[in-house]
Protein backbone atom coordinates (compact mmCIF):
# COMPACT_ATOMS: atom_id res chain seq x y z
CA UNK A 1 9.53 -8.73 -2.76
CA UNK A 2 6.71 -6.42 -3.81
CA UNK A 3 6.03 -3.20 -1.91
CA UNK A 4 2.78 -4.56 -0.52
CA UNK A 5 4.54 -7.72 0.71
CA UNK A 6 7.25 -5.63 2.38
CA UNK A 7 4.60 -3.55 4.13
CA UNK A 8 2.69 -6.63 5.24
CA UNK A 9 5.76 -8.36 6.69
CA UNK A 10 6.78 -5.36 8.80
CA UNK A 11 3.20 -4.55 9.81
CA UNK A 12 2.47 -8.10 10.93
CA UNK A 13 5.62 -8.15 13.04
CA UNK A 14 4.73 -4.88 14.79
CA UNK A 15 1.09 -5.90 15.20
CA UNK A 16 2.02 -9.27 16.74
CA UNK A 17 4.39 -7.50 19.12
CA UNK A 18 1.65 -5.00 20.04
CA UNK A 19 -0.79 -7.84 20.81
CA UNK A 20 1.84 -9.72 22.80
CA UNK A 21 2.63 -6.61 24.87
CA UNK A 22 -1.06 -5.71 25.29
CA UNK A 23 -0.59 -2.44 23.36
CA UNK A 24 -2.76 -3.29 20.38
CA UNK A 25 -5.17 -0.35 20.52
CA UNK A 26 -2.57 2.30 21.28
CA UNK A 27 -0.17 1.13 18.55
CA UNK A 28 -2.91 0.86 15.93
CA UNK A 29 -4.13 4.37 16.83
CA UNK A 30 -0.64 5.88 16.93
CA UNK A 31 0.28 4.25 13.60
CA UNK A 32 -2.78 5.92 12.01
CA UNK A 33 -1.93 9.27 13.61
CA UNK A 34 1.70 9.05 12.49
CA UNK A 35 0.61 8.23 8.94
CA UNK A 36 -1.74 11.24 8.95
CA UNK A 37 1.06 13.55 10.10
CA UNK A 38 3.46 12.20 7.47
CA UNK A 39 0.85 12.68 4.73
CA UNK A 40 0.16 16.26 5.90
CA UNK A 41 3.86 17.06 6.21
CA UNK A 42 5.70 15.15 3.45
CA UNK A 43 8.85 17.17 4.17
CA UNK A 44 9.37 15.11 7.35
CA UNK A 45 9.71 11.85 5.45
CA UNK A 46 11.68 13.53 2.67
CA UNK A 47 14.12 14.84 5.25
CA UNK A 48 14.52 11.44 6.87
CA UNK A 49 15.21 9.87 3.46
CA UNK A 50 17.65 12.56 2.34
CA UNK A 51 20.74 10.84 0.92
CA UNK A 52 23.23 13.19 2.59
CA UNK A 53 21.93 12.39 6.08
CA UNK A 54 24.39 10.03 7.77
CA UNK A 55 22.85 6.78 9.11
CA UNK A 56 23.64 7.55 12.76
CA UNK A 57 22.26 11.10 12.37
CA UNK A 58 19.11 9.63 10.76
CA UNK A 59 18.63 7.25 13.70
CA UNK A 60 19.13 10.08 16.20
CA UNK A 61 16.68 12.30 14.30
CA UNK A 62 14.05 9.52 14.27
CA UNK A 63 14.40 9.00 18.02
CA UNK A 64 14.28 12.77 18.66
CA UNK A 65 11.20 13.28 16.47
CA UNK A 66 9.23 10.28 17.68
CA UNK A 67 10.71 9.18 20.98
CA UNK A 68 8.24 10.85 23.34
CA UNK A 69 5.31 10.99 20.91
CA UNK A 70 4.68 7.34 20.02
CA UNK A 71 5.23 3.93 21.56
CA UNK A 72 8.74 2.49 21.43
CA UNK A 73 7.62 -0.23 18.99
CA UNK A 74 6.74 2.39 16.37
CA UNK A 75 9.98 4.30 16.96
CA UNK A 76 11.89 1.03 16.50
CA UNK A 77 9.89 0.27 13.35
CA UNK A 78 10.78 3.60 11.74
CA UNK A 79 14.41 3.21 12.82
CA UNK A 80 14.57 -0.31 11.35
CA UNK A 81 13.04 0.80 8.06
CA UNK A 82 15.59 3.63 7.90
CA UNK A 83 18.46 1.27 8.70
CA UNK A 84 17.37 -1.09 5.90
CA UNK A 85 16.79 1.70 3.39
CA UNK A 86 13.03 1.11 3.31
CA UNK A 87 11.60 4.40 4.54
CA UNK A 88 9.78 4.67 1.22
CA UNK A 89 7.55 1.84 2.55
CA UNK A 90 6.72 3.56 5.86
CA UNK A 91 3.25 4.85 4.95
CA UNK A 92 2.28 1.46 3.49
CA UNK A 93 3.52 -0.29 6.64
CA UNK A 94 1.53 2.05 8.88
CA UNK A 95 -1.61 1.43 6.79
CA UNK A 96 -0.98 -2.33 6.87
CA UNK A 97 -0.95 -2.23 10.69
CA UNK A 98 -4.59 -1.10 10.57
CA UNK A 99 -5.30 -3.90 8.07
CA UNK A 100 -3.78 -6.44 10.48
CA UNK A 101 -6.03 -5.11 13.22
CA UNK A 102 -9.17 -5.27 11.07
CA UNK A 103 -8.31 -8.77 9.87
CA UNK A 104 -7.66 -9.92 13.43
CA UNK A 105 -11.07 -8.60 14.45
CA UNK A 106 -12.73 -10.37 11.51
CA UNK A 107 -13.33 -7.18 9.54
CA UNK A 108 -12.49 -7.07 5.85
CA UNK A 109 -12.39 -3.88 3.77
CA UNK A 110 -12.53 -3.81 -0.01
CA UNK A 111 -11.73 -0.73 -2.03
CA UNK A 112 -13.11 -0.63 -5.56
CA UNK A 113 -11.49 1.88 -7.89
CA UNK A 114 -12.98 2.89 -11.22
CA UNK A 115 -12.05 5.48 -13.84
CA UNK A 116 -15.41 7.23 -13.49
CA UNK A 117 -17.98 7.28 -10.69
CA UNK A 118 -20.12 4.14 -10.71
CA UNK A 119 -23.89 4.43 -10.91
CA UNK A 120 -25.61 3.69 -7.57
CA UNK A 121 -27.31 0.54 -8.94
CA UNK A 122 -23.97 -0.86 -10.13
CA UNK A 123 -22.35 0.00 -6.80
CA UNK A 124 -25.10 -1.94 -5.00
CA UNK A 125 -24.73 -4.97 -7.28
CA UNK A 126 -20.94 -4.97 -6.79
CA UNK A 127 -21.33 -4.58 -3.02
CA UNK A 128 -23.86 -7.41 -2.73
CA UNK A 129 -21.76 -9.81 -4.84
CA UNK A 130 -18.52 -9.04 -2.99
CA UNK A 131 -20.13 -9.31 0.45
CA UNK A 132 -21.56 -12.72 -0.48
CA UNK A 133 -18.31 -14.08 -1.89
CA UNK A 134 -15.69 -12.49 0.38
CA UNK A 135 -17.55 -11.89 3.63
CA UNK A 136 -16.68 -8.22 3.38
CA UNK A 137 -17.70 -5.91 6.20
CA UNK A 138 -16.83 -2.61 4.52
CA UNK A 139 -16.65 -1.52 0.88
CA UNK A 140 -15.34 1.79 -0.37
CA UNK A 141 -15.50 3.23 -3.86
CA UNK A 142 -12.91 5.60 -5.30
CA UNK A 143 -12.43 7.28 -8.65
CA UNK A 144 -9.00 7.00 -10.28
CA UNK A 145 -9.14 8.49 -13.79
CA UNK A 146 -5.70 7.05 -14.62
CA UNK A 147 -7.32 3.58 -14.80
CA UNK A 148 -9.00 4.74 -18.06
CA UNK A 149 -11.71 2.08 -17.67
CA UNK A 150 -12.50 -1.15 -15.86
CA UNK A 151 -12.05 -1.76 -12.14
CA UNK A 152 -9.30 -2.41 -9.61
CA UNK A 153 -10.19 -4.16 -6.33
CA UNK A 154 -8.00 -4.10 -3.23
CA UNK A 155 -8.64 -6.15 -0.11
CA UNK A 156 -7.27 -4.40 2.98
CA UNK A 157 -4.86 -2.46 0.81
CA UNK A 158 -3.54 -5.45 -1.13
CA UNK A 159 -4.44 -5.79 -4.77
CA UNK A 160 -6.83 -8.64 -5.52
CA UNK A 161 -8.01 -7.89 -9.06
CA UNK A 162 -6.84 -5.35 -11.59
CA UNK A 163 -9.15 -5.42 -14.59
CA UNK A 164 -8.37 -1.85 -15.60
CA UNK A 165 -7.67 -0.63 -19.11
CA UNK A 166 -4.44 0.93 -17.75
CA UNK A 167 -3.15 -2.48 -16.62
CA UNK A 168 -3.95 -4.04 -20.00
CA UNK A 169 -2.19 -1.21 -21.83
CA UNK A 170 0.83 -1.52 -19.53
CA UNK A 171 1.04 -5.27 -20.18
CA UNK A 172 0.74 -4.73 -23.93
CA UNK A 173 3.51 -2.12 -23.74
CA UNK A 174 5.75 -4.59 -21.87
CA UNK A 175 5.06 -7.31 -24.44
CA UNK A 176 5.91 -4.98 -27.31
CA UNK A 177 9.16 -3.94 -25.63
CA UNK A 178 10.06 -7.58 -25.00
CA UNK A 179 10.12 -8.40 -28.73
CA UNK A 180 13.59 -7.70 -30.12
CA UNK A 181 13.48 -5.12 -32.90
CA UNK A 182 15.27 -7.35 -35.44
CA UNK A 183 12.81 -10.20 -34.88
CA UNK A 184 9.91 -7.81 -35.40
CA UNK A 185 11.38 -6.63 -38.71
CA UNK A 186 12.07 -10.20 -39.89
CA UNK A 187 8.47 -11.17 -39.12
CA UNK A 188 7.23 -8.14 -41.01
CA UNK A 189 9.49 -8.74 -44.01
CA UNK A 190 8.72 -12.47 -44.07
CA UNK A 191 4.99 -11.82 -44.06
CA UNK A 192 5.17 -9.27 -46.91
């Protein structure tokens, strides 16, 4: 299961529970706040994931750190991710909770990443086309130089299109590695 699918599954479960218990707003807000704290203080998550920390000590630490600060559903989420060895997905799960909320309210966010800043006219054309096709309510543009060229589009955090040069180079690299060395030499010798 891909990382984005893992995040979506856990987020949807927590979000549904929040709606059922009439805690939607508070859980969505607290998930965002918790994610912000974990991004500002990466040592917290690193400590929780430390391999020498015994599972029962990890659970106790999670409950001590979060118990009085966030709703029980979020404490249980973090504890469950820890128990299943998936704390590396925690930030993605917390972000996916906000995506569940936006989707439930009929709001769709697209994030368009490019290797260089897009010209304003191109940004407007992209925005207009995507709003017409996808019913998008919010579009953000980011610059990710590692893409090298092209675009990557994410819908509420989940990848929709990756037309980046980086992706094409990565796929080419995988294809080259998939060809056994002996077969490559035979093809070369046979063609000479």
